[in-house]
Amino acid sequence: MPNVFGSPHKGSEPRHEQVVFCQDEASGLRAIIAIYSTALGPSLGGTRFYPYGSEEEALTDVLNLSRGMAYKNALAGLDLGGGKAVIIGDPSVDKSEALLRAYGRFVQTLNGRYYTACDVGTFSEDMDVIARESRYVTGRTVAHGGAGDSSILTAFGVFQGMRAAAETVWGAPTLHGRRVGVEGVGKVGHRLVEHLREDGADVVICDVNEAAVERVRAQHPEVEVVPDKDAMVRTELDVYAPCALGGSLNDDSVPALQARIVCGAANNQLAHTGIEKSLADRDVLYAPDYVVNSGGVIQVADEIDGFDFDRAKARASGIFETTRKIFALAADEGVPPAVAADRLAERRMSEIGRLRGILV
């Protein structure tokens, strides 16, 4: 099994606090809940419903994802730790009310150590079903008092991070007149295009889903389309914004990359440890994905105390300052931004987590 512990970019000794295997034979539920850290508060992270090839593959994924959520929540300024869950199966075939409610019962048994939300294969409507069995559910529908579509603030946050990157490279926090390539124009990507066009950027897009491309072209016929990711990284760009699957920055794409900045919504953009150094060596500024795409978790976290969109958006605006701080720290310490982000997150978890030892 690959190394699944430590920070998002370097290995260390195992640090997950708790891993729970959940099974209900009658409903077909097979799930794993992983809690990486509760140093800052209850762990929060979505539930991924995916047809993993094996239980080991599912375990590797949930451990990586829960660890990433701890770092994301820390840098988002939330008083929440990191957790994640995976349900093993094909959501188009295996998802049912009974299965989701059985899963909700397992979430409830953790007594608030883990709050769940949406992820790949799950939606706000599913959270409403899970919430019939558990109090520890967020990301619910507006009709049930939830925040609804978290892609709104995810895209907004990515745009704030991109503004900070633009300021670092070109001296002004704007993408006006810059050429930005958005790979993946689904729920988040198409909203990011809106922000970029409003700011005066020239936009290039690609997506494996032709309907998604056509939706953007219908609203913005001036947007340029390239056939695929390989063509995107080789296109002359100022900014490359991966907003589709992870691993887009790898040993093949980085040497071909034409952009000066990488800043996008996709999770786990670095294919492996060392890619962050390859980017730095080529003088490409990388905005760490789990920093700039944290608008979504900020949105669902706000729901825990009763959702207020303006309050959540104000907090997501802070992604701009956090990203600037990471770039400044990276420059001061002579490390890539990905390493600086890890250090900043670990520092907050350590310093604030220590306060839990003070009895009140």
Protein backbone atom coordinates (compact mmCIF):
# COMPACT_ATOMS: atom_id res chain seq x y z
CA MET A 1 0.00 0.00 0.00
CA PRO A 2 1.36 3.50 -0.79
CA ASN A 3 2.18 5.92 1.98
CA VAL A 4 -1.09 7.50 3.11
CA PHE A 5 -0.07 9.37 6.23
CA GLY A 6 1.54 12.65 7.15
CA SER A 7 1.13 15.96 5.35
CA PRO A 8 -0.25 16.21 1.81
CA HIS A 9 3.26 16.42 0.37
CA LYS A 10 5.57 14.39 2.57
CA GLY A 11 5.39 11.15 4.47
CA SER A 12 5.60 10.71 8.24
CA GLU A 13 4.48 8.28 10.90
CA PRO A 14 0.78 7.25 10.94
CA ARG A 15 -1.32 9.97 12.53
CA HIS A 16 -4.97 9.19 11.84
CA GLU A 17 -6.97 9.26 15.06
CA GLN A 18 -9.69 6.82 14.07
CA VAL A 19 -10.75 4.63 11.16
CA VAL A 20 -14.16 2.96 11.21
CA PHE A 21 -15.31 0.18 8.87
CA CYS A 22 -19.10 0.15 8.42
CA GLN A 23 -21.13 -2.73 7.01
CA ASP A 24 -24.85 -3.44 6.78
CA GLU A 25 -25.47 -6.58 4.78
CA ALA A 26 -29.21 -6.06 4.28
CA SER A 27 -28.84 -2.67 2.56
CA GLY A 28 -25.51 -3.50 0.91
CA LEU A 29 -23.65 -0.77 2.76
CA ARG A 30 -19.86 -1.02 2.83
CA ALA A 31 -18.24 2.18 4.01
CA ILE A 32 -15.12 3.51 5.72
CA ILE A 33 -14.99 6.67 7.84
CA ALA A 34 -11.53 8.10 8.55
CA ILE A 35 -10.82 10.83 11.10
CA TYR A 36 -7.37 12.31 10.63
CA SER A 37 -7.45 15.02 13.30
CA THR A 38 -9.80 16.68 15.77
CA ALA A 39 -7.13 19.09 17.04
CA LEU A 40 -9.14 22.09 15.85
CA GLY A 41 -12.61 20.63 16.48
CA PRO A 42 -14.95 17.96 15.11
CA SER A 43 -13.75 16.53 11.82
CA LEU A 44 -15.57 17.58 8.64
CA GLY A 45 -15.37 16.05 5.19
CA GLY A 46 -17.63 14.71 2.48
CA THR A 47 -18.82 11.20 1.71
CA ARG A 48 -17.54 9.79 -1.58
CA PHE A 49 -19.70 7.06 -3.21
CA TYR A 50 -17.47 5.27 -5.70
CA PRO A 51 -17.02 1.76 -7.22
CA TYR A 52 -13.57 1.06 -5.81
CA GLY A 53 -11.83 -2.01 -7.17
CA SER A 54 -10.98 -3.26 -3.68
CA GLU A 55 -11.34 -2.42 -0.02
CA GLU A 56 -7.63 -1.59 0.09
CA GLU A 57 -8.09 0.96 -2.70
CA ALA A 58 -11.00 2.51 -0.80
CA LEU A 59 -8.96 2.64 2.40
CA THR A 60 -6.03 4.34 0.66
CA ASP A 61 -8.38 6.96 -0.79
CA VAL A 62 -10.23 7.74 2.43
CA LEU A 63 -6.99 8.08 4.41
CA ASN A 64 -5.54 10.48 1.84
CA LEU A 65 -8.74 12.47 1.57
CA SER A 66 -9.27 12.79 5.33
CA ARG A 67 -5.72 14.00 5.80
CA GLY A 68 -6.19 16.58 3.06
CA MET A 69 -9.39 17.82 4.72
CA ALA A 70 -7.51 18.47 7.98
CA TYR A 71 -5.07 20.74 6.15
CA LYS A 72 -7.81 22.38 4.09
CA ASN A 73 -9.98 23.15 7.13
CA ALA A 74 -6.97 24.45 9.07
CA LEU A 75 -5.99 26.95 6.37
CA ALA A 76 -9.63 27.95 5.82
CA GLY A 77 -9.56 29.26 9.40
CA LEU A 78 -12.26 26.81 10.54
CA ASP A 79 -12.48 25.38 14.03
CA LEU A 80 -12.88 21.96 12.47
CA GLY A 81 -10.64 18.95 12.02
CA GLY A 82 -10.32 16.69 9.01
CA GLY A 83 -12.30 13.58 8.18
CA LYS A 84 -13.71 11.81 5.15
CA ALA A 85 -15.85 8.82 4.30
CA VAL A 86 -16.17 6.51 1.32
CA ILE A 87 -19.03 4.21 0.40
CA ILE A 88 -17.92 1.34 -1.80
CA GLY A 89 -20.26 0.79 -4.74
CA ASP A 90 -21.73 2.26 -7.90
CA PRO A 91 -24.05 5.10 -6.85
CA SER A 92 -26.13 4.72 -10.03
CA VAL A 93 -26.89 1.11 -9.06
CA ASP A 94 -26.32 0.65 -5.33
CA LYS A 95 -27.58 3.88 -3.79
CA SER A 96 -30.86 3.50 -1.90
CA GLU A 97 -32.74 5.08 0.97
CA ALA A 98 -31.98 2.07 3.18
CA LEU A 99 -28.25 2.20 2.42
CA LEU A 100 -27.99 5.95 3.04
CA ARG A 101 -29.94 5.70 6.29
CA ALA A 102 -27.80 2.78 7.45
CA TYR A 103 -24.75 4.92 6.73
CA GLY A 104 -26.32 7.75 8.71
CA ARG A 105 -26.64 5.44 11.72
CA PHE A 106 -22.91 4.76 11.63
CA VAL A 107 -22.13 8.50 11.39
CA GLN A 108 -24.35 9.05 14.44
CA THR A 109 -22.40 6.47 16.47
CA LEU A 110 -19.36 8.75 16.30
CA ASN A 111 -21.27 11.27 18.44
CA GLY A 112 -20.15 14.37 16.58
CA ARG A 113 -16.49 13.49 16.04
CA TYR A 114 -17.28 13.48 12.31
CA TYR A 115 -19.61 15.71 10.25
CA THR A 116 -20.36 14.49 6.76
CA ALA A 117 -21.28 16.37 3.56
CA CYS A 118 -21.37 15.83 -0.22
CA ASP A 119 -18.56 14.56 -2.39
CA VAL A 120 -18.21 12.58 -5.62
CA GLY A 121 -21.30 10.41 -6.05
CA THR A 122 -23.36 12.10 -3.32
CA PHE A 123 -25.60 15.16 -3.43
CA SER A 124 -27.48 17.49 -1.12
CA GLU A 125 -30.59 15.34 -1.50
CA ASP A 126 -28.61 12.34 -0.21
CA MET A 127 -27.52 14.38 2.81
CA ASP A 128 -31.20 15.01 3.59
CA VAL A 129 -31.75 11.24 3.72
CA ILE A 130 -28.64 10.60 5.84
CA ALA A 131 -29.76 13.38 8.21
CA ARG A 132 -32.88 11.38 9.05
CA GLU A 133 -30.57 9.12 11.05
CA SER A 134 -27.81 11.51 12.13
CA ARG A 135 -27.53 15.02 13.55
CA TYR A 136 -24.02 15.39 12.14
CA VAL A 137 -24.76 16.17 8.49
CA THR A 138 -24.19 19.34 6.51
CA GLY A 139 -24.38 20.29 2.83
CA ARG A 140 -28.15 19.79 2.86
CA THR A 141 -30.70 21.23 0.42
CA VAL A 142 -32.01 24.75 0.81
CA ALA A 143 -35.48 23.31 1.43
CA HIS A 144 -34.10 21.62 4.56
CA GLY A 145 -32.21 24.65 5.81
CA GLY A 146 -28.95 23.84 4.07
CA ALA A 147 -26.51 25.80 1.97
CA GLY A 148 -27.29 24.02 -1.29
CA ASP A 149 -24.77 24.04 -4.13
CA SER A 150 -21.26 24.46 -2.66
CA SER A 151 -19.73 25.00 -6.11
CA ILE A 152 -20.74 28.67 -5.86
CA LEU A 153 -18.21 29.55 -3.18
CA THR A 154 -15.70 26.97 -4.41
CA ALA A 155 -15.39 28.88 -7.69
CA PHE A 156 -15.38 32.21 -5.86
CA GLY A 157 -12.53 31.05 -3.63
CA VAL A 158 -10.45 29.76 -6.55
CA PHE A 159 -10.85 33.14 -8.20
CA GLN A 160 -9.63 34.86 -5.01
CA GLY A 161 -6.57 32.61 -4.95
CA MET A 162 -5.93 33.36 -8.61
CA ARG A 163 -6.09 37.09 -7.91
CA ALA A 164 -3.47 36.65 -5.17
CA ALA A 165 -1.25 34.71 -7.58
CA ALA A 166 -1.64 37.40 -10.23
CA GLU A 167 -0.61 40.05 -7.73
CA THR A 168 2.47 38.05 -6.77
CA VAL A 169 3.58 37.54 -10.38
CA TRP A 170 2.40 40.71 -12.14
CA GLY A 171 1.92 43.20 -9.31
CA ALA A 172 -1.88 43.62 -9.49
CA PRO A 173 -4.68 41.36 -8.16
CA THR A 174 -6.55 41.07 -11.43
CA LEU A 175 -6.74 38.72 -14.41
CA HIS A 176 -7.73 41.53 -16.77
CA GLY A 177 -6.08 40.96 -20.13
CA ARG A 178 -4.58 37.63 -19.04
CA ARG A 179 -5.12 34.38 -20.91
CA VAL A 180 -6.53 31.73 -18.57
CA GLY A 181 -7.07 28.07 -19.47
CA VAL A 182 -9.82 26.30 -17.53
CA GLU A 183 -9.60 22.52 -17.77
CA GLY A 184 -13.02 21.14 -16.81
CA VAL A 185 -16.08 23.39 -16.99
CA GLY A 186 -18.50 21.40 -14.84
CA LYS A 187 -20.12 22.65 -11.64
CA VAL A 188 -17.13 24.68 -10.47
CA GLY A 189 -15.29 25.34 -13.74
CA HIS A 190 -18.17 27.04 -15.50
CA ARG A 191 -18.66 29.38 -12.52
CA LEU A 192 -14.95 30.18 -12.55
CA VAL A 193 -15.28 31.18 -16.21
CA GLU A 194 -17.98 33.67 -15.16
CA HIS A 195 -15.65 35.33 -12.64
CA LEU A 196 -12.81 35.44 -15.15
CA ARG A 197 -14.88 37.01 -17.90
CA GLU A 198 -16.28 39.59 -15.49
CA ASP A 199 -12.68 40.47 -14.59
CA GLY A 200 -11.73 40.89 -18.23
CA ALA A 201 -9.69 37.72 -18.76
CA ASP A 202 -9.43 35.90 -22.08
CA VAL A 203 -10.54 32.31 -21.45
CA VAL A 204 -9.64 28.99 -23.06
CA ILE A 205 -11.59 25.87 -22.03
CA CYS A 206 -11.68 22.12 -22.49
CA ASP A 207 -13.83 19.30 -21.09
CA VAL A 208 -14.43 15.64 -21.90
CA ASN A 209 -18.16 16.44 -21.73
CA GLU A 210 -19.14 18.23 -24.93
CA ALA A 211 -22.41 19.41 -23.36
CA ALA A 212 -20.48 21.25 -20.66
CA VAL A 213 -18.38 22.99 -23.31
CA GLU A 214 -21.47 23.98 -25.27
CA ARG A 215 -23.13 25.40 -22.16
CA VAL A 216 -20.20 27.76 -21.64
CA ARG A 217 -20.00 28.65 -25.34
CA ALA A 218 -23.72 29.49 -25.34
CA GLN A 219 -23.12 32.10 -22.63
CA HIS A 220 -19.67 33.19 -23.81
CA PRO A 221 -19.25 32.57 -27.54
CA GLU A 222 -15.90 34.40 -27.43
CA VAL A 223 -14.34 31.67 -25.28
CA GLU A 224 -11.76 29.55 -27.11
CA VAL A 225 -12.01 25.74 -27.01
CA VAL A 226 -9.11 23.28 -27.20
CA PRO A 227 -9.65 19.52 -27.61
CA ASP A 228 -8.20 18.13 -24.37
CA LYS A 229 -5.90 18.52 -21.38
CA ASP A 230 -2.76 17.75 -23.37
CA ALA A 231 -3.58 20.56 -25.78
CA MET A 232 -4.40 22.87 -22.87
CA VAL A 233 -1.04 22.55 -21.12
CA ARG A 234 0.76 23.18 -24.41
CA THR A 235 -1.33 26.25 -25.22
CA GLU A 236 0.20 29.67 -24.61
CA LEU A 237 -1.42 30.73 -21.32
CA ASP A 238 -0.78 33.04 -18.41
CA VAL A 239 -2.75 30.85 -15.99
CA TYR A 240 -3.64 27.15 -16.07
CA ALA A 241 -6.67 26.26 -13.95
CA PRO A 242 -7.19 22.48 -13.48
CA CYS A 243 -10.82 22.00 -12.47
CA ALA A 244 -11.38 18.36 -13.41
CA LEU A 245 -9.68 15.21 -12.09
CA GLY A 246 -6.60 15.12 -9.87
CA GLY A 247 -3.06 14.34 -10.97
CA SER A 248 -3.06 16.84 -13.84
CA LEU A 249 0.42 18.08 -12.86
CA ASN A 250 2.73 15.17 -13.61
CA ASP A 251 6.09 14.32 -15.15
CA ASP A 252 4.67 14.73 -18.66
CA SER A 253 2.51 17.83 -18.27
CA VAL A 254 4.83 20.02 -16.18
CA PRO A 255 7.69 20.18 -18.77
CA ALA A 256 5.11 21.07 -21.45
CA LEU A 257 3.28 23.68 -19.39
CA GLN A 258 3.27 27.16 -20.91
CA ALA A 259 1.51 29.00 -18.06
CA ARG A 260 3.24 31.15 -15.44
CA ILE A 261 0.60 30.35 -12.76
CA VAL A 262 -1.28 27.18 -11.85
CA CYS A 263 -4.44 27.78 -9.81
CA GLY A 264 -7.52 25.60 -10.07
CA ALA A 265 -10.31 23.80 -8.22
CA ALA A 266 -9.29 20.16 -8.75
CA ASN A 267 -8.20 18.18 -5.70
CA ASN A 268 -4.78 16.48 -5.53
CA GLN A 269 -3.37 18.23 -8.61
CA LEU A 270 0.21 17.12 -7.90
CA ALA A 271 0.63 13.57 -9.21
CA HIS A 272 3.37 12.77 -6.71
CA THR A 273 5.79 14.31 -4.24
CA GLY A 274 8.45 16.33 -6.05
CA ILE A 275 6.15 17.90 -8.64
CA GLU A 276 5.95 21.05 -6.51
CA LYS A 277 9.73 21.43 -6.89
CA SER A 278 9.56 20.79 -10.64
CA LEU A 279 7.07 23.66 -10.93
CA ALA A 280 9.25 25.96 -8.83
CA ASP A 281 12.32 25.06 -10.89
CA ARG A 282 10.45 26.16 -14.02
CA ASP A 283 9.43 29.42 -12.29
CA VAL A 284 5.74 28.40 -12.32
CA LEU A 285 3.81 29.72 -9.32
CA TYR A 286 1.55 26.99 -7.92
CA ALA A 287 -1.40 27.99 -5.75
CA PRO A 288 -1.94 24.92 -3.51
CA ASP A 289 -5.24 23.31 -4.46
CA TYR A 290 -6.49 22.62 -0.95
CA VAL A 291 -6.04 26.31 -0.10
CA VAL A 292 -7.81 27.90 -3.05
CA ASN A 293 -10.63 25.36 -3.40
CA SER A 294 -11.71 25.62 0.25
CA GLY A 295 -14.70 27.88 -0.50
CA GLY A 296 -16.96 24.83 -0.68
CA VAL A 297 -16.02 23.52 2.75
CA ILE A 298 -16.35 27.05 4.15
CA GLN A 299 -19.88 27.11 2.74
CA VAL A 300 -20.96 23.78 4.23
CA ALA A 301 -19.19 24.49 7.54
CA ASP A 302 -21.21 27.67 7.93
CA GLU A 303 -24.35 25.55 7.74
CA ILE A 304 -23.52 23.85 11.04
CA ASP A 305 -24.45 27.04 12.91
CA GLY A 306 -27.33 28.00 10.60
CA PHE A 307 -26.38 29.03 7.09
CA ASP A 308 -25.87 32.66 6.13
CA PHE A 309 -24.58 33.11 2.58
CA ASP A 310 -23.14 36.59 3.10
CA ARG A 311 -21.23 35.42 6.17
CA ALA A 312 -19.87 32.40 4.31
CA LYS A 313 -18.89 34.49 1.29
CA ALA A 314 -17.07 36.97 3.53
CA ARG A 315 -15.06 34.12 5.03
CA ALA A 316 -14.33 32.68 1.57
CA SER A 317 -13.00 36.12 0.57
CA GLY A 318 -10.22 35.44 3.08
CA ILE A 319 -8.75 32.88 0.65
CA PHE A 320 -7.13 35.86 -1.08
CA GLU A 321 -5.16 36.86 2.03
CA THR A 322 -4.34 33.27 2.97
CA THR A 323 -2.91 32.60 -0.49
CA ARG A 324 -0.85 35.81 -0.36
CA LYS A 325 0.47 34.77 3.05
CA ILE A 326 1.53 31.37 1.70
CA PHE A 327 3.37 32.93 -1.25
CA ALA A 328 5.16 35.32 1.10
CA LEU A 329 6.12 32.50 3.48
CA ALA A 330 7.38 30.40 0.56
CA ALA A 331 9.58 33.27 -0.61
CA ASP A 332 10.91 33.95 2.90
CA GLU A 333 11.74 30.31 3.61
CA GLY A 334 12.94 29.42 0.13
CA VAL A 335 10.44 26.57 -0.35
CA PRO A 336 7.66 25.87 -2.88
CA PRO A 337 4.19 27.24 -1.95
CA ALA A 338 2.89 23.68 -1.42
CA VAL A 339 5.45 23.14 1.32
CA ALA A 340 4.74 26.57 2.85
CA ALA A 341 1.01 25.77 2.93
CA ASP A 342 1.68 22.47 4.71
CA ARG A 343 3.81 24.23 7.31
CA LEU A 344 1.20 26.92 7.93
CA ALA A 345 -1.57 24.34 8.36
CA GLU A 346 0.54 22.19 10.69
CA ARG A 347 1.45 25.26 12.73
CA ARG A 348 -2.20 26.18 13.25
CA MET A 349 -3.19 22.62 14.16
CA SER A 350 -0.35 22.47 16.67
CA GLU A 351 -0.77 25.91 18.23
CA ILE A 352 -4.56 25.90 18.49
CA GLY A 353 -4.78 22.18 19.23
CA ARG A 354 -2.47 22.69 22.20
CA LEU A 355 -5.14 24.87 23.83
CA ARG A 356 -7.34 21.80 24.24
CA GLY A 357 -4.99 20.87 27.10
CA ILE A 358 -6.09 23.93 29.08
CA LEU A 359 -8.96 22.87 31.33
CA VAL A 360 -11.99 25.19 31.38
